[in-house]
């Protein structure tokens, strides 16, 4: 990975420097009319060269500097799309596409593998603390009511809903679903509780939009309770699979629009029925967009 990024950095600096120093050369070679404003081409060369500096920095630690690699990868994917349009309409000669081959296409696979490695590392990035047993964890998890989840579940079963970050449209869809199902859940003799990754004050204002600000809630920014109940970070297929995109479109058209990131964007949601301090029923989705049946999950255990 370091060698690839260092090579990309050297290439970008050389190509960018050449474009700055000799802005008309490539047009002369391809027998194209030179641009009326060569400063624009020199500006492109400067941008490409600066990217090269970024790649060289990323080569020192590809995992830590993954945003540089991601931005570069996006540019290398989007650039050829514009080139295809220009070639298709005849606005540029086919020889000019050689720029895309050396600047973009040959880097797709290595940059893609670097980003895949970063994702795998992220998946394996688990804190060093040893989590207690499930019942102890529930007893230690105190909600904004001052009572722990275990204590709440001694009074009546608790439908414990773990949400994705509040900017996710599926999180917003879940709150709308819970608001609609609240009466039926209460009629089942069960109360709700919510677990989130944001701040308590921001979450209260957020849930007020759905009439759920009075529901017991617990902030878990370190994801300790998420991890303790087996809710992991999503795999790529769980975040970007076709089912997620399809359901995301339906959710968006239904009025659930994404907002600012507030928490770990890869954290998976889940639903648990807690009774007498232990989990008696659970739902761990197979992908980020899977929609649980909250009413069925809230039915009192036999």
Protein backbone atom coordinates (compact mmCIF):
# COMPACT_ATOMS: atom_id res chain seq x y z
CA UNK A 1 0.00 0.00 0.00
CA UNK A 2 2.79 2.42 0.87
CA UNK A 3 4.57 1.72 -2.42
CA UNK A 4 1.38 2.27 -4.43
CA UNK A 5 0.64 5.57 -2.72
CA UNK A 6 4.22 6.74 -3.02
CA UNK A 7 4.20 5.87 -6.73
CA UNK A 8 0.90 7.72 -7.16
CA UNK A 9 2.37 10.71 -5.35
CA UNK A 10 5.48 10.83 -7.53
CA UNK A 11 3.42 10.39 -10.71
CA UNK A 12 0.99 13.18 -9.76
CA UNK A 13 3.77 15.62 -8.89
CA UNK A 14 5.57 14.92 -12.18
CA UNK A 15 2.40 15.11 -14.31
CA UNK A 16 1.20 18.23 -12.51
CA UNK A 17 4.59 19.91 -12.79
CA UNK A 18 4.72 19.17 -16.52
CA UNK A 19 1.23 20.63 -17.05
CA UNK A 20 2.22 23.78 -15.16
CA UNK A 21 5.55 24.29 -16.94
CA UNK A 22 4.44 23.23 -20.43
CA UNK A 23 0.68 23.85 -20.63
CA UNK A 24 0.53 23.61 -24.42
CA UNK A 25 2.65 20.48 -24.94
CA UNK A 26 -0.06 17.80 -24.79
CA UNK A 27 -2.31 19.78 -27.14
CA UNK A 28 0.58 20.15 -29.61
CA UNK A 29 1.30 16.39 -29.50
CA UNK A 30 -2.36 15.53 -30.16
CA UNK A 31 -2.66 18.25 -32.81
CA UNK A 32 -5.42 19.92 -30.85
CA UNK A 33 -6.06 23.67 -30.73
CA UNK A 34 -4.38 25.02 -27.60
CA UNK A 35 -6.70 26.36 -24.90
CA UNK A 36 -7.46 30.07 -25.02
CA UNK A 37 -6.61 30.31 -21.35
CA UNK A 38 -3.61 28.05 -20.61
CA UNK A 39 -3.81 29.17 -16.98
CA UNK A 40 -6.81 26.86 -16.55
CA UNK A 41 -4.73 23.87 -17.68
CA UNK A 42 -1.92 24.99 -15.37
CA UNK A 43 -4.44 25.16 -12.54
CA UNK A 44 -5.45 21.55 -13.25
CA UNK A 45 -1.78 20.61 -13.16
CA UNK A 46 -1.41 22.36 -9.80
CA UNK A 47 -4.41 20.44 -8.36
CA UNK A 48 -3.05 17.10 -9.61
CA UNK A 49 0.37 17.90 -8.15
CA UNK A 50 -1.10 18.82 -4.77
CA UNK A 51 -2.95 15.49 -4.76
CA UNK A 52 0.47 13.90 -5.22
CA UNK A 53 1.67 15.52 -2.01
CA UNK A 54 -1.40 14.12 -0.26
CA UNK A 55 -0.70 10.60 -1.56
CA UNK A 56 2.89 10.83 -0.34
CA UNK A 57 1.63 11.79 3.13
CA UNK A 58 -0.90 8.95 3.06
CA UNK A 59 1.89 6.51 2.18
CA UNK A 60 3.33 6.99 5.68
CA UNK A 61 0.20 5.40 7.20
CA UNK A 62 -2.51 4.38 4.67
CA UNK A 63 -5.01 3.30 7.32
CA UNK A 64 -4.76 6.51 9.31
CA UNK A 65 -4.88 8.73 6.21
CA UNK A 66 -7.68 6.85 4.45
CA UNK A 67 -9.71 10.03 3.70
CA UNK A 68 -6.97 11.16 1.31
CA UNK A 69 -7.13 7.81 -0.48
CA UNK A 70 -10.95 7.96 -0.62
CA UNK A 71 -11.02 11.48 -2.08
CA UNK A 72 -8.40 10.47 -4.64
CA UNK A 73 -10.34 7.31 -5.52
CA UNK A 74 -13.54 9.30 -6.05
CA UNK A 75 -11.73 11.69 -8.36
CA UNK A 76 -10.29 8.79 -10.31
CA UNK A 77 -13.77 7.31 -10.76
CA UNK A 78 -15.66 10.51 -11.56
CA UNK A 79 -13.02 11.94 -13.91
CA UNK A 80 -13.33 9.17 -16.53
CA UNK A 81 -17.12 9.55 -16.46
CA UNK A 82 -16.73 13.13 -17.66
CA UNK A 83 -14.17 11.97 -20.20
CA UNK A 84 -16.58 9.37 -21.63
CA UNK A 85 -19.22 12.07 -22.10
CA UNK A 86 -16.73 14.34 -23.88
CA UNK A 87 -15.52 11.53 -26.14
CA UNK A 88 -19.06 10.40 -26.92
CA UNK A 89 -20.12 13.87 -28.00
CA UNK A 90 -16.91 14.42 -29.98
CA UNK A 91 -15.79 17.36 -27.87
CA UNK A 92 -12.40 15.71 -27.26
CA UNK A 93 -10.32 13.39 -29.48
CA UNK A 94 -9.83 9.80 -28.39
CA UNK A 95 -6.11 10.34 -27.94
CA UNK A 96 -6.84 12.71 -25.09
CA UNK A 97 -8.32 9.76 -23.17
CA UNK A 98 -4.76 8.54 -22.54
CA UNK A 99 -4.73 11.00 -19.65
CA UNK A 100 -7.54 9.04 -17.98
CA UNK A 101 -5.71 5.74 -18.41
CA UNK A 102 -2.56 6.88 -16.62
CA UNK A 103 -4.14 9.41 -14.26
CA UNK A 104 -7.19 7.40 -13.23
CA UNK A 105 -7.96 3.92 -14.56
CA UNK A 106 -4.73 2.15 -13.59
CA UNK A 107 -5.19 3.28 -9.98
CA UNK A 108 -8.73 1.96 -9.51
CA UNK A 109 -7.75 -1.53 -8.37
CA UNK A 110 -4.87 -0.64 -6.00
CA UNK A 111 -6.77 2.26 -4.42
CA UNK A 112 -9.84 0.05 -4.12
CA UNK A 113 -7.81 -2.63 -2.33
CA UNK A 114 -6.36 -0.03 0.05
CA UNK A 115 -9.86 1.18 0.97
CA UNK A 116 -11.02 -2.42 1.40
CA UNK A 117 -8.11 -3.02 3.79
CA UNK A 118 -9.04 0.12 5.73
CA UNK A 119 -12.63 -1.12 6.03
CA UNK A 120 -11.46 -4.53 7.26
CA UNK A 121 -9.28 -2.85 9.86
CA UNK A 122 -12.22 -0.74 10.95
CA UNK A 123 -14.33 -3.87 11.36
CA UNK A 124 -11.70 -5.43 13.61
CA UNK A 125 -11.13 -2.28 15.64
CA UNK A 126 -12.58 -3.34 18.99
CA UNK A 127 -11.75 -1.57 22.26
CA UNK A 128 -9.57 -3.40 24.73
CA UNK A 129 -12.05 -3.31 27.61
CA UNK A 130 -13.60 -6.62 28.59
CA UNK A 131 -17.37 -6.42 28.59
CA UNK A 132 -19.33 -7.91 31.51
CA UNK A 133 -22.04 -10.53 31.17
CA UNK A 134 -25.31 -9.49 29.61
CA UNK A 135 -27.29 -9.23 32.87
CA UNK A 136 -24.55 -7.20 34.55
CA UNK A 137 -24.33 -4.89 31.55
CA UNK A 138 -28.08 -4.24 31.65
CA UNK A 139 -27.89 -3.55 35.37
CA UNK A 140 -25.07 -1.05 34.80
CA UNK A 141 -26.81 0.76 31.92
CA UNK A 142 -28.67 3.68 33.47
CA UNK A 143 -31.25 5.56 31.40
CA UNK A 144 -32.15 9.23 31.60
CA UNK A 145 -34.90 8.28 34.09
CA UNK A 146 -32.26 7.42 36.70
CA UNK A 147 -33.20 3.73 36.51
CA UNK A 148 -31.14 1.05 34.83
CA UNK A 149 -32.51 -1.09 32.02
CA UNK A 150 -32.60 -4.05 34.39
CA UNK A 151 -34.65 -2.07 36.92
CA UNK A 152 -37.10 -0.89 34.26
CA UNK A 153 -37.57 -4.46 33.08
CA UNK A 154 -38.51 -5.63 36.57
CA UNK A 155 -41.65 -3.50 36.41
CA UNK A 156 -42.66 -4.59 32.91
CA UNK A 157 -40.96 -5.90 29.76
CA UNK A 158 -38.85 -3.32 27.94
CA UNK A 159 -38.57 -3.15 24.16
CA UNK A 160 -35.00 -1.92 23.88
CA UNK A 161 -34.38 -0.35 20.46
CA UNK A 162 -30.79 0.32 19.37
CA UNK A 163 -30.73 3.02 16.72
CA UNK A 164 -28.29 3.92 14.00
CA UNK A 165 -26.80 7.42 14.09
CA UNK A 166 -29.47 10.12 14.07
CA UNK A 167 -28.52 11.39 10.61
CA UNK A 168 -29.38 8.04 9.03
CA UNK A 169 -32.73 7.97 7.26
CA UNK A 170 -33.30 4.43 8.59
CA UNK A 171 -32.93 5.77 12.14
CA UNK A 172 -35.57 8.37 11.35
CA UNK A 173 -37.79 5.76 9.77
CA UNK A 174 -37.42 3.59 12.88
CA UNK A 175 -38.55 6.44 15.15
CA UNK A 176 -41.55 7.08 12.92
CA UNK A 177 -42.41 3.37 13.03
CA UNK A 178 -42.08 3.31 16.83
CA UNK A 179 -44.28 6.38 17.15
CA UNK A 180 -46.96 4.71 15.02
CA UNK A 181 -46.68 1.41 16.93
CA UNK A 182 -46.44 2.95 20.40
CA UNK A 183 -50.06 2.38 21.41
CA UNK A 184 -49.98 -1.27 20.28
CA UNK A 185 -46.69 -1.82 22.13
CA UNK A 186 -48.19 -0.33 25.29
CA UNK A 187 -51.27 -2.51 24.89
CA UNK A 188 -48.94 -5.53 24.86
CA UNK A 189 -47.90 -4.54 28.39
CA UNK A 190 -44.45 -3.44 27.22
CA UNK A 191 -42.67 -0.10 27.42
CA UNK A 192 -40.02 1.22 25.06
CA UNK A 193 -36.47 2.37 25.68
CA UNK A 194 -34.02 3.79 23.14
CA UNK A 195 -30.26 3.51 22.84
CA UNK A 196 -28.37 6.04 20.72
CA UNK A 197 -24.83 7.30 20.11
CA UNK A 198 -25.38 11.06 20.39
CA UNK A 199 -25.70 13.50 23.29
CA UNK A 200 -28.69 13.34 25.61
CA UNK A 201 -29.87 16.90 24.92
CA UNK A 202 -29.62 16.63 21.14
CA UNK A 203 -31.35 13.26 21.18
CA UNK A 204 -34.24 14.56 23.27
CA UNK A 205 -34.83 17.36 20.79
CA UNK A 206 -34.51 14.89 17.92
CA UNK A 207 -37.04 12.39 19.34
CA UNK A 208 -39.45 15.22 20.17
CA UNK A 209 -40.09 15.48 16.42
CA UNK A 210 -41.63 12.00 16.63
CA UNK A 211 -43.43 12.43 19.96
CA UNK A 212 -40.97 10.13 21.72
CA UNK A 213 -39.02 12.56 23.93
CA UNK A 214 -40.59 11.02 27.06
CA UNK A 215 -39.35 7.50 26.21
CA UNK A 216 -36.46 6.34 28.45
CA UNK A 217 -33.20 6.74 26.57
CA UNK A 218 -29.56 5.89 27.05
CA UNK A 219 -26.59 7.53 25.33
CA UNK A 220 -23.90 5.02 24.33
CA UNK A 221 -21.32 6.95 22.25
CA UNK A 222 -18.61 4.36 23.00
CA UNK A 223 -20.98 1.63 21.71
CA UNK A 224 -20.33 -0.44 24.84
CA UNK A 225 -23.93 -1.61 25.17
CA UNK A 226 -24.21 -2.13 21.41
CA UNK A 227 -21.18 -4.41 21.47
CA UNK A 228 -22.27 -6.10 24.68
CA UNK A 229 -25.51 -7.26 23.07
CA UNK A 230 -23.80 -8.43 19.91
CA UNK A 231 -24.52 -5.52 17.58
CA UNK A 232 -21.50 -5.07 15.34
CA UNK A 233 -20.33 -2.62 12.74
CA UNK A 234 -21.77 -3.28 9.31
CA UNK A 235 -19.96 -5.08 6.53
CA UNK A 236 -19.84 -3.36 3.14
CA UNK A 237 -22.71 -5.51 1.85
CA UNK A 238 -24.81 -4.58 4.90
CA UNK A 239 -24.24 -0.87 4.26
CA UNK A 240 -24.13 -0.63 0.47
CA UNK A 241 -25.97 -3.71 -0.83
CA UNK A 242 -28.77 -3.37 -3.36
CA UNK A 243 -31.41 -4.04 -0.69
CA UNK A 244 -30.13 -1.06 1.31
CA UNK A 245 -30.25 1.24 -1.71
CA UNK A 246 -33.73 0.03 -2.67
CA UNK A 247 -35.11 0.42 0.83
CA UNK A 248 -33.31 3.74 1.16
CA UNK A 249 -35.11 5.04 -1.92
CA UNK A 250 -38.48 3.94 -0.51
CA UNK A 251 -37.66 5.54 2.84
CA UNK A 252 -36.53 8.77 1.19
CA UNK A 253 -39.70 9.00 -0.90
CA UNK A 254 -41.71 8.43 2.29
CA UNK A 255 -40.20 11.61 3.71
CA UNK A 256 -37.33 10.28 5.81
CA UNK A 257 -34.37 12.38 4.73
CA UNK A 258 -30.77 12.01 5.94
CA UNK A 259 -29.14 14.54 8.26
CA UNK A 260 -25.77 15.25 9.84
CA UNK A 261 -23.67 12.32 11.03
CA UNK A 262 -24.00 11.83 14.79
CA UNK A 263 -22.26 8.62 15.87
CA UNK A 264 -20.60 5.70 14.15
CA UNK A 265 -22.01 5.54 10.61
CA UNK A 266 -21.27 1.81 10.37
CA UNK A 267 -23.00 0.73 13.57
CA UNK A 268 -25.82 -1.76 13.03
CA UNK A 269 -29.18 -1.34 14.83
CA UNK A 270 -31.12 -3.97 16.74
CA UNK A 271 -34.13 -4.66 18.97
CA UNK A 272 -34.26 -6.63 22.25
CA UNK A 273 -37.08 -7.51 24.61
CA UNK A 274 -35.77 -7.28 28.17
CA UNK A 275 -37.66 -8.92 31.06
CA UNK A 276 -36.45 -9.33 34.64
CA UNK A 277 -32.99 -8.12 33.70
CA UNK A 278 -32.31 -10.49 30.82
CA UNK A 279 -32.88 -10.68 27.08
CA UNK A 280 -35.83 -12.90 26.18
CA UNK A 281 -36.24 -11.96 22.52
CA UNK A 282 -34.04 -10.22 19.98
CA UNK A 283 -33.83 -8.97 16.41
CA UNK A 284 -30.43 -8.43 14.80
CA UNK A 285 -30.95 -7.24 11.20
CA UNK A 286 -29.09 -8.76 8.29
CA UNK A 287 -28.52 -5.33 6.74
CA UNK A 288 -28.84 -1.69 7.78
CA UNK A 289 -32.22 -1.19 6.11
CA UNK A 290 -34.07 -4.23 7.45
CA UNK A 291 -37.31 -3.19 9.16
CA UNK A 292 -38.36 -5.05 12.33
CA UNK A 293 -41.90 -5.81 13.46
CA UNK A 294 -41.88 -3.86 16.71
CA UNK A 295 -45.37 -4.93 17.74
CA UNK A 296 -44.60 -8.64 17.39
CA UNK A 297 -41.31 -8.24 19.24
CA UNK A 298 -43.03 -6.40 22.10
CA UNK A 299 -45.44 -9.19 23.01
CA UNK A 300 -45.05 -10.25 26.63
CA UNK A 301 -43.06 -13.46 27.10
CA UNK A 302 -44.98 -16.51 28.24
